[in-house]
PDB file of N, CA and C in Angstrom:
ATOM      1  N   UNK A   1      19.693 -12.115  51.423  1.00  0.00           N
ATOM      2  CA  UNK A   1      21.084 -10.956  51.332  1.00  0.00           C
ATOM      3  C   UNK A   1      20.220  -9.346  51.794  1.00  0.00           C
ATOM      4  N   UNK A   2      20.865  -9.100  52.657  1.00  0.00           N
ATOM      5  CA  UNK A   2      20.511  -7.119  51.936  1.00  0.00           C
ATOM      6  C   UNK A   2      20.667  -6.529  51.525  1.00  0.00           C
ATOM      7  N   UNK A   3      19.756  -5.433  51.014  1.00  0.00           N
ATOM      8  CA  UNK A   3      19.981  -4.489  49.777  1.00  0.00           C
ATOM      9  C   UNK A   3      21.200  -3.881  49.441  1.00  0.00           C
ATOM     10  N   UNK A   4      21.961  -3.715  50.995  1.00  0.00           N
ATOM     11  CA  UNK A   4      23.644  -3.751  50.682  1.00  0.00           C
ATOM     12  C   UNK A   4      24.202  -4.612  50.250  1.00  0.00           C
ATOM     13  N   UNK A   5      23.831  -5.763  50.523  1.00  0.00           N
ATOM     14  CA  UNK A   5      25.055  -6.650  49.784  1.00  0.00           C
ATOM     15  C   UNK A   5      24.282  -6.829  48.594  1.00  0.00           C
ATOM     16  N   UNK A   6      23.172  -6.662  48.303  1.00  0.00           N
ATOM     17  CA  UNK A   6      23.037  -6.524  46.754  1.00  0.00           C
ATOM     18  C   UNK A   6      23.836  -5.744  46.073  1.00  0.00           C
ATOM     19  N   UNK A   7      23.836  -4.283  46.378  1.00  0.00           N
ATOM     20  CA  UNK A   7      24.249  -3.213  45.511  1.00  0.00           C
ATOM     21  C   UNK A   7      25.775  -3.446  45.575  1.00  0.00           C
ATOM     22  N   UNK A   8      26.639  -3.986  46.660  1.00  0.00           N
ATOM     23  CA  UNK A   8      27.646  -4.042  46.426  1.00  0.00           C
ATOM     24  C   UNK A   8      28.189  -4.851  45.614  1.00  0.00           C
ATOM     25  N   UNK A   9      27.211  -6.222  45.802  1.00  0.00           N
ATOM     26  CA  UNK A   9      27.432  -7.419  44.414  1.00  0.00           C
ATOM     27  C   UNK A   9      27.045  -7.021  43.373  1.00  0.00           C
ATOM     28  N   UNK A  10      26.409  -6.271  42.789  1.00  0.00           N
ATOM     29  CA  UNK A  10      25.958  -5.650  41.326  1.00  0.00           C
ATOM     30  C   UNK A  10      27.297  -4.649  41.219  1.00  0.00           C
ATOM     31  N   UNK A  11      27.682  -4.035  42.545  1.00  0.00           N
ATOM     32  CA  UNK A  11      28.427  -3.212  41.647  1.00  0.00           C
ATOM     33  C   UNK A  11      30.058  -3.265  41.465  1.00  0.00           C
ATOM     34  N   UNK A  12      30.468  -4.555  42.284  1.00  0.00           N
ATOM     35  CA  UNK A  12      31.383  -5.394  42.060  1.00  0.00           C
ATOM     36  C   UNK A  12      31.471  -6.197  40.684  1.00  0.00           C
ATOM     37  N   UNK A  13      30.419  -6.678  40.451  1.00  0.00           N
ATOM     38  CA  UNK A  13      30.042  -7.364  38.990  1.00  0.00           C
ATOM     39  C   UNK A  13      30.616  -6.096  38.120  1.00  0.00           C
ATOM     40  N   UNK A  14      29.639  -5.234  37.894  1.00  0.00           N
ATOM     41  CA  UNK A  14      29.785  -3.895  37.069  1.00  0.00           C
ATOM     42  C   UNK A  14      31.341  -3.675  36.994  1.00  0.00           C
ATOM     43  N   UNK A  15      32.244  -3.307  37.987  1.00  0.00           N
ATOM     44  CA  UNK A  15      33.184  -2.801  38.221  1.00  0.00           C
ATOM     45  C   UNK A  15      34.197  -3.738  37.324  1.00  0.00           C
ATOM     46  N   UNK A  16      33.958  -5.077  37.309  1.00  0.00           N
ATOM     47  CA  UNK A  16      34.594  -6.557  36.822  1.00  0.00           C
ATOM     48  C   UNK A  16      34.490  -6.582  35.157  1.00  0.00           C
ATOM     49  N   UNK A  17      33.251  -6.202  35.015  1.00  0.00           N
ATOM     50  CA  UNK A  17      32.937  -6.108  34.039  1.00  0.00           C
ATOM     51  C   UNK A  17      33.153  -5.316  33.213  1.00  0.00           C
ATOM     52  N   UNK A  18      33.526  -4.029  33.791  1.00  0.00           N
ATOM     53  CA  UNK A  18      34.104  -3.068  33.354  1.00  0.00           C
ATOM     54  C   UNK A  18      35.325  -2.956  32.607  1.00  0.00           C
ATOM     55  N   UNK A  19      36.175  -3.735  33.642  1.00  0.00           N
ATOM     56  CA  UNK A  19      37.393  -4.026  33.042  1.00  0.00           C
ATOM     57  C   UNK A  19      37.925  -4.608  32.420  1.00  0.00           C
ATOM     58  N   UNK A  20      37.199  -5.841  31.712  1.00  0.00           N
ATOM     59  CA  UNK A  20      37.189  -6.928  30.983  1.00  0.00           C
ATOM     60  C   UNK A  20      36.955  -6.028  29.405  1.00  0.00           C
ATOM     61  N   UNK A  21      35.929  -5.265  29.874  1.00  0.00           N
ATOM     62  CA  UNK A  21      35.413  -4.875  28.134  1.00  0.00           C
ATOM     63  C   UNK A  21      36.361  -3.573  27.533  1.00  0.00           C
ATOM     64  N   UNK A  22      37.005  -3.443  28.922  1.00  0.00           N
ATOM     65  CA  UNK A  22      38.642  -1.869  28.540  1.00  0.00           C
ATOM     66  C   UNK A  22      39.611  -2.543  27.959  1.00  0.00           C
ATOM     67  N   UNK A  23      39.778  -4.031  28.908  1.00  0.00           N
ATOM     68  CA  UNK A  23      41.205  -4.403  28.394  1.00  0.00           C
ATOM     69  C   UNK A  23      40.679  -5.207  27.013  1.00  0.00           C
ATOM     70  N   UNK A  24      39.357  -5.817  26.909  1.00  0.00           N
ATOM     71  CA  UNK A  24      39.172  -6.196  25.556  1.00  0.00           C
ATOM     72  C   UNK A  24      39.242  -5.613  24.539  1.00  0.00           C
ATOM     73  N   UNK A  25      38.845  -4.322  25.084  1.00  0.00           N
ATOM     74  CA  UNK A  25      38.599  -3.159  23.725  1.00  0.00           C
ATOM     75  C   UNK A  25      40.317  -2.824  23.064  1.00  0.00           C
ATOM     76  N   UNK A  26      41.062  -2.521  24.532  1.00  0.00           N
ATOM     77  CA  UNK A  26      42.857  -1.892  24.225  1.00  0.00           C
ATOM     78  C   UNK A  26      43.120  -2.938  23.971  1.00  0.00           C
ATOM     79  N   UNK A  27      43.224  -4.619  23.676  1.00  0.00           N
ATOM     80  CA  UNK A  27      43.590  -5.584  22.886  1.00  0.00           C
ATOM     81  C   UNK A  27      42.945  -5.393  21.366  1.00  0.00           C
ATOM     82  N   UNK A  28      41.954  -5.146  21.002  1.00  0.00           N
ATOM     83  CA  UNK A  28      41.307  -5.228  20.098  1.00  0.00           C
ATOM     84  C   UNK A  28      41.786  -3.785  19.070  1.00  0.00           C
ATOM     85  N   UNK A  29      42.035  -2.942  19.633  1.00  0.00           N
ATOM     86  CA  UNK A  29      42.451  -1.995  19.294  1.00  0.00           C
ATOM     87  C   UNK A  29      43.666  -1.495  18.786  1.00  0.00           C
ATOM     88  N   UNK A  30      44.543  -2.050  19.798  1.00  0.00           N
ATOM     89  CA  UNK A  30      45.937  -1.661  19.880  1.00  0.00           C
ATOM     90  C   UNK A  30      46.964  -2.752  19.194  1.00  0.00           C
ATOM     91  N   UNK A  31      46.506  -4.227  20.236  1.00  0.00           N
ATOM     92  CA  UNK A  31      47.368  -5.625  20.186  1.00  0.00           C
ATOM     93  C   UNK A  31      47.193  -5.883  19.167  1.00  0.00           C
ATOM     94  N   UNK A  32      46.270  -6.012  18.458  1.00  0.00           N
ATOM     95  CA  UNK A  32      45.482  -6.802  16.912  1.00  0.00           C
ATOM     96  C   UNK A  32      44.372  -6.123  16.559  1.00  0.00           C
ATOM     97  N   UNK A  33      44.828  -5.027  15.883  1.00  0.00           N
ATOM     98  CA  UNK A  33      44.226  -4.327  14.815  1.00  0.00           C
ATOM     99  C   UNK A  33      44.906  -4.930  13.574  1.00  0.00           C
ATOM    100  N   UNK A  34      43.056  -5.142  13.154  1.00  0.00           N
ATOM    101  CA  UNK A  34      42.814  -5.534  12.052  1.00  0.00           C
ATOM    102  C   UNK A  34      43.023  -7.045  11.455  1.00  0.00           C
ATOM    103  N   UNK A  35      44.201  -7.256  10.861  1.00  0.00           N
ATOM    104  CA  UNK A  35      44.343  -8.680  10.838  1.00  0.00           C
ATOM    105  C   UNK A  35      43.965  -9.953  11.335  1.00  0.00           C
ATOM    106  N   UNK A  36      43.455 -10.974  11.119  1.00  0.00           N
ATOM    107  CA  UNK A  36      42.902 -12.071  12.219  1.00  0.00           C
ATOM    108  C   UNK A  36      44.522 -13.315  12.295  1.00  0.00           C
ATOM    109  N   UNK A  37      45.408 -13.086  12.234  1.00  0.00           N
ATOM    110  CA  UNK A  37      46.516 -13.865  12.162  1.00  0.00           C
ATOM    111  C   UNK A  37      47.480 -13.243  13.254  1.00  0.00           C
ATOM    112  N   UNK A  38      47.854 -12.513  13.778  1.00  0.00           N
ATOM    113  CA  UNK A  38      48.357 -12.400  14.819  1.00  0.00           C
ATOM    114  C   UNK A  38      47.513 -12.862  16.636  1.00  0.00           C
ATOM    115  N   UNK A  39      48.356 -12.781  16.981  1.00  0.00           N
ATOM    116  CA  UNK A  39      47.881 -13.580  18.601  1.00  0.00           C
ATOM    117  C   UNK A  39      48.155 -12.665  19.645  1.00  0.00           C
ATOM    118  N   UNK A  40      47.283 -12.621  21.076  1.00  0.00           N
ATOM    119  CA  UNK A  40      47.915 -11.512  22.020  1.00  0.00           C
ATOM    120  C   UNK A  40      47.176 -13.164  23.529  1.00  0.00           C
ATOM    121  N   UNK A  41      47.917 -13.011  23.938  1.00  0.00           N
ATOM    122  CA  UNK A  41      47.349 -14.187  25.255  1.00  0.00           C
ATOM    123  C   UNK A  41      47.388 -15.773  24.492  1.00  0.00           C
ATOM    124  N   UNK A  42      47.570 -16.167  23.578  1.00  0.00           N
ATOM    125  CA  UNK A  42      47.685 -16.746  22.638  1.00  0.00           C
ATOM    126  C   UNK A  42      46.017 -17.333  22.204  1.00  0.00           C
ATOM    127  N   UNK A  43      45.209 -16.264  22.103  1.00  0.00           N
ATOM    128  CA  UNK A  43      43.820 -16.112  21.085  1.00  0.00           C
ATOM    129  C   UNK A  43      44.422 -14.864  20.049  1.00  0.00           C
ATOM    130  N   UNK A  44      43.512 -15.418  19.221  1.00  0.00           N
ATOM    131  CA  UNK A  44      42.945 -14.671  17.994  1.00  0.00           C
ATOM    132  C   UNK A  44      42.249 -13.150  18.334  1.00  0.00           C
ATOM    133  N   UNK A  45      41.978 -12.445  17.301  1.00  0.00           N
ATOM    134  CA  UNK A  45      41.005 -11.266  17.647  1.00  0.00           C
ATOM    135  C   UNK A  45      39.342 -11.560  17.460  1.00  0.00           C
ATOM    136  N   UNK A  46      39.663 -12.660  16.573  1.00  0.00           N
ATOM    137  CA  UNK A  46      38.135 -13.931  16.992  1.00  0.00           C
ATOM    138  C   UNK A  46      37.611 -13.640  18.437  1.00  0.00           C
ATOM    139  N   UNK A  47      38.218 -14.743  19.608  1.00  0.00           N
ATOM    140  CA  UNK A  47      37.825 -15.051  20.475  1.00  0.00           C
ATOM    141  C   UNK A  47      37.989 -13.492  21.488  1.00  0.00           C
ATOM    142  N   UNK A  48      38.843 -12.674  21.425  1.00  0.00           N
ATOM    143  CA  UNK A  48      39.138 -11.009  21.559  1.00  0.00           C
ATOM    144  C   UNK A  48      37.604 -10.259  21.734  1.00  0.00           C
ATOM    145  N   UNK A  49      37.045 -10.741  20.088  1.00  0.00           N
ATOM    146  CA  UNK A  49      35.665  -9.920  19.839  1.00  0.00           C
ATOM    147  C   UNK A  49      34.658 -10.564  20.663  1.00  0.00           C
ATOM    148  N   UNK A  50      34.613 -12.139  21.034  1.00  0.00           N
ATOM    149  CA  UNK A  50      33.893 -12.499  21.886  1.00  0.00           C
ATOM    150  C   UNK A  50      34.083 -12.416  23.154  1.00  0.00           C
ATOM    151  N   UNK A  51      34.528 -12.005  23.580  1.00  0.00           N
ATOM    152  CA  UNK A  51      34.541 -12.311  24.461  1.00  0.00           C
ATOM    153  C   UNK A  51      34.477 -10.409  25.389  1.00  0.00           C
ATOM    154  N   UNK A  52      35.125  -9.528  24.414  1.00  0.00           N
ATOM    155  CA  UNK A  52      34.457  -8.176  24.142  1.00  0.00           C
ATOM    156  C   UNK A  52      33.271  -7.687  24.257  1.00  0.00           C
ATOM    157  N   UNK A  53      32.362  -8.218  22.879  1.00  0.00           N
ATOM    158  CA  UNK A  53      30.894  -8.494  22.701  1.00  0.00           C
ATOM    159  C   UNK A  53      29.908  -8.995  24.024  1.00  0.00           C
ATOM    160  N   UNK A  54      30.429  -9.873  24.537  1.00  0.00           N
ATOM    161  CA  UNK A  54      29.537 -10.930  25.530  1.00  0.00           C
ATOM    162  C   UNK A  54      30.013 -10.194  27.302  1.00  0.00           C
ATOM    163  N   UNK A  55      30.837  -9.672  27.622  1.00  0.00           N
ATOM    164  CA  UNK A  55      31.145  -9.010  28.244  1.00  0.00           C
ATOM    165  C   UNK A  55      30.185  -7.359  28.302  1.00  0.00           C
ATOM    166  N   UNK A  56      30.412  -7.350  27.443  1.00  0.00           N
ATOM    167  CA  UNK A  56      29.698  -5.642  26.952  1.00  0.00           C
ATOM    168  C   UNK A  56      28.490  -6.011  27.261  1.00  0.00           C
ATOM    169  N   UNK A  57      27.413  -7.015  26.969  1.00  0.00           N
ATOM    170  CA  UNK A  57      26.112  -7.074  26.644  1.00  0.00           C
ATOM    171  C   UNK A  57      25.774  -7.385  28.310  1.00  0.00           C
ATOM    172  N   UNK A  58      26.887  -7.956  28.851  1.00  0.00           N
ATOM    173  CA  UNK A  58      26.507  -8.386  30.639  1.00  0.00           C
ATOM    174  C   UNK A  58      26.376  -6.934  31.352  1.00  0.00           C
ATOM    175  N   UNK A  59      27.835  -5.984  31.004  1.00  0.00           N
ATOM    176  CA  UNK A  59      27.767  -4.718  31.754  1.00  0.00           C
ATOM    177  C   UNK A  59      26.304  -3.765  31.227  1.00  0.00           C
ATOM    178  N   UNK A  60      25.661  -4.237  30.320  1.00  0.00           N
ATOM    179  CA  UNK A  60      24.478  -2.951  30.143  1.00  0.00           C
ATOM    180  C   UNK A  60      23.484  -3.839  30.732  1.00  0.00           C
ATOM    181  N   UNK A  61      23.521  -4.779  30.777  1.00  0.00           N
ATOM    182  CA  UNK A  61      22.456  -6.413  32.019  1.00  0.00           C
ATOM    183  C   UNK A  61      22.511  -5.238  33.266  1.00  0.00           C
ATOM    184  N   UNK A  62      23.520  -5.322  33.930  1.00  0.00           N
ATOM    185  CA  UNK A  62      24.192  -5.089  35.252  1.00  0.00           C
ATOM    186  C   UNK A  62      24.029  -3.756  35.324  1.00  0.00           C
ATOM    187  N   UNK A  63      24.367  -3.017  34.527  1.00  0.00           N
ATOM    188  CA  UNK A  63      24.103  -1.233  34.832  1.00  0.00           C
ATOM    189  C   UNK A  63      22.681  -1.159  34.960  1.00  0.00           C
ATOM    190  N   UNK A  64      21.494  -2.091  33.966  1.00  0.00           N
ATOM    191  CA  UNK A  64      20.220  -2.253  34.039  1.00  0.00           C
ATOM    192  C   UNK A  64      19.380  -2.404  35.700  1.00  0.00           C
ATOM    193  N   UNK A  65      20.223  -3.283  35.877  1.00  0.00           N
ATOM    194  CA  UNK A  65      19.961  -4.016  37.114  1.00  0.00           C
ATOM    195  C   UNK A  65      20.262  -2.975  37.964  1.00  0.00           C
ATOM    196  N   UNK A  66      21.681  -2.502  38.206  1.00  0.00           N
ATOM    197  CA  UNK A  66      21.963  -1.179  39.210  1.00  0.00           C
ATOM    198  C   UNK A  66      20.829  -0.193  38.923  1.00  0.00           C
ATOM    199  N   UNK A  67      20.191  -0.012  37.914  1.00  0.00           N
ATOM    200  CA  UNK A  67      19.542   1.344  38.087  1.00  0.00           C
ATOM    201  C   UNK A  67      18.024   0.757  38.780  1.00  0.00           C
ATOM    202  N   UNK A  68      17.681  -0.485  38.236  1.00  0.00           N
ATOM    203  CA  UNK A  68      16.224  -0.808  38.729  1.00  0.00           C
ATOM    204  C   UNK A  68      16.905  -1.252  40.904  1.00  0.00           C
ATOM    205  N   UNK A  69      17.914  -1.277  41.203  1.00  0.00           N
ATOM    206  CA  UNK A  69      18.214  -1.199  42.349  1.00  0.00           C
ATOM    207  C   UNK A  69      18.035   0.215  42.888  1.00  0.00           C
ATOM    208  N   UNK A  70      18.438   1.131  42.231  1.00  0.00           N
ATOM    209  CA  UNK A  70      18.230   2.540  42.601  1.00  0.00           C
ATOM    210  C   UNK A  70      17.670   3.102  41.963  1.00  0.00           C
ATOM    211  N   UNK A  71      16.294   2.422  41.290  1.00  0.00           N
ATOM    212  CA  UNK A  71      15.588   3.731  41.327  1.00  0.00           C
ATOM    213  C   UNK A  71      14.991   4.819  42.233  1.00  0.00           C
ATOM    214  N   UNK A  72      14.063   4.286  43.518  1.00  0.00           N
ATOM    215  CA  UNK A  72      14.072   5.009  44.560  1.00  0.00           C
ATOM    216  C   UNK A  72      14.529   6.257  44.753  1.00  0.00           C
ATOM    217  N   UNK A  73      15.916   5.857  44.798  1.00  0.00           N
ATOM    218  CA  UNK A  73      16.714   6.585  44.981  1.00  0.00           C
ATOM    219  C   UNK A  73      16.654   7.611  43.430  1.00  0.00           C
ATOM    220  N   UNK A  74      16.807   7.468  42.523  1.00  0.00           N
ATOM    221  CA  UNK A  74      17.263   8.316  41.817  1.00  0.00           C
ATOM    222  C   UNK A  74      15.707   9.415  41.574  1.00  0.00           C
ATOM    223  N   UNK A  75      14.460   8.539  41.463  1.00  0.00           N
ATOM    224  CA  UNK A  75      13.008   9.037  41.330  1.00  0.00           C
ATOM    225  C   UNK A  75      12.996  10.166  42.756  1.00  0.00           C
ATOM    226  N   UNK A  76      13.369   9.693  43.980  1.00  0.00           N
ATOM    227  CA  UNK A  76      13.318  10.717  45.161  1.00  0.00           C
ATOM    228  C   UNK A  76      14.301  11.701  44.449  1.00  0.00           C
ATOM    229  N   UNK A  77      15.794  11.595  44.284  1.00  0.00           N
ATOM    230  CA  UNK A  77      16.373  12.782  43.513  1.00  0.00           C
ATOM    231  C   UNK A  77      15.565  13.701  42.499  1.00  0.00           C
ATOM    232  N   UNK A  78      15.228  13.150  42.046  1.00  0.00           N
ATOM    233  CA  UNK A  78      14.495  14.063  41.066  1.00  0.00           C
ATOM    234  C   UNK A  78      13.477  14.703  41.107  1.00  0.00           C
ATOM    235  N   UNK A  79      12.603  14.463  41.771  1.00  0.00           N
ATOM    236  CA  UNK A  79      11.808  15.079  42.884  1.00  0.00           C
ATOM    237  C   UNK A  79      12.071  16.070  43.610  1.00  0.00           C
ATOM    238  N   UNK A  80      12.897  16.292  44.455  1.00  0.00           N
ATOM    239  CA  UNK A  80      13.767  17.105  45.165  1.00  0.00           C
ATOM    240  C   UNK A  80      14.346  18.327  44.139  1.00  0.00           C
ATOM    241  N   UNK A  81      14.684  18.118  43.112  1.00  0.00           N
ATOM    242  CA  UNK A  81      15.405  18.664  41.986  1.00  0.00           C
ATOM    243  C   UNK A  81      14.178  19.420  41.702  1.00  0.00           C
ATOM    244  N   UNK A  82      13.430  18.701  41.051  1.00  0.00           N
ATOM    245  CA  UNK A  82      12.696  19.453  39.682  1.00  0.00           C
ATOM    246  C   UNK A  82      11.472  19.386  40.974  1.00  0.00           C
ATOM    247  N   UNK A  83      10.875  19.045  41.885  1.00  0.00           N
ATOM    248  CA  UNK A  83       9.708  19.168  42.115  1.00  0.00           C
ATOM    249  C   UNK A  83       9.707  20.552  43.081  1.00  0.00           C
ATOM    250  N   UNK A  84      10.649  20.892  43.710  1.00  0.00           N
ATOM    251  CA  UNK A  84      10.563  22.402  44.023  1.00  0.00           C
ATOM    252  C   UNK A  84      10.577  23.167  42.948  1.00  0.00           C
ATOM    253  N   UNK A  85      11.364  23.594  41.919  1.00  0.00           N
ATOM    254  CA  UNK A  85      11.619  24.101  40.816  1.00  0.00           C
ATOM    255  C   UNK A  85      10.075  24.433  39.970  1.00  0.00           C
ATOM    256  N   UNK A  86       9.344  23.385  40.219  1.00  0.00           N
ATOM    257  CA  UNK A  86       8.052  23.318  39.508  1.00  0.00           C
ATOM    258  C   UNK A  86       7.358  23.867  40.310  1.00  0.00           C
ATOM    259  N   UNK A  87       7.395  24.094  41.957  1.00  0.00           N
ATOM    260  CA  UNK A  87       6.450  24.408  42.811  1.00  0.00           C
ATOM    261  C   UNK A  87       6.999  25.755  43.002  1.00  0.00           C
ATOM    262  N   UNK A  88       8.376  26.237  43.035  1.00  0.00           N
ATOM    263  CA  UNK A  88       8.629  27.325  43.133  1.00  0.00           C
ATOM    264  C   UNK A  88       7.855  28.513  41.914  1.00  0.00           C
ATOM    265  N   UNK A  89       8.048  27.696  40.323  1.00  0.00           N
ATOM    266  CA  UNK A  89       7.322  28.627  39.530  1.00  0.00           C
ATOM    267  C   UNK A  89       5.746  29.027  39.593  1.00  0.00           C
ATOM    268  N   UNK A  90       5.677  27.925  40.171  1.00  0.00           N
ATOM    269  CA  UNK A  90       3.573  28.131  40.034  1.00  0.00           C
ATOM    270  C   UNK A  90       3.591  28.998  41.597  1.00  0.00           C
ATOM    271  N   UNK A  91       3.716  29.929  42.286  1.00  0.00           N
ATOM    272  CA  UNK A  91       4.172  30.782  43.395  1.00  0.00           C
ATOM    273  C   UNK A  91       4.471  31.811  42.510  1.00  0.00           C
TER     274      UNK A  91
END
């Protein structure tokens, strides 16, 4: 698989996980605040909390993968921005 395909796949997974984290967070905050009794889409607060937790962990892992895939670009950017300033200050 080409690098661009990997980047697209990682970004797509990150987007989906972001949506899941956001929706589950909103459900936990506004639809199921506090009490364990009510349900939303047939689930109580506990399963929604599990969805929120595991999707958040997966999202963090995928963000780390995203950073690893873009590490050369990140390093080059910082070299171009801060490398010039350091050499200009020395002159």
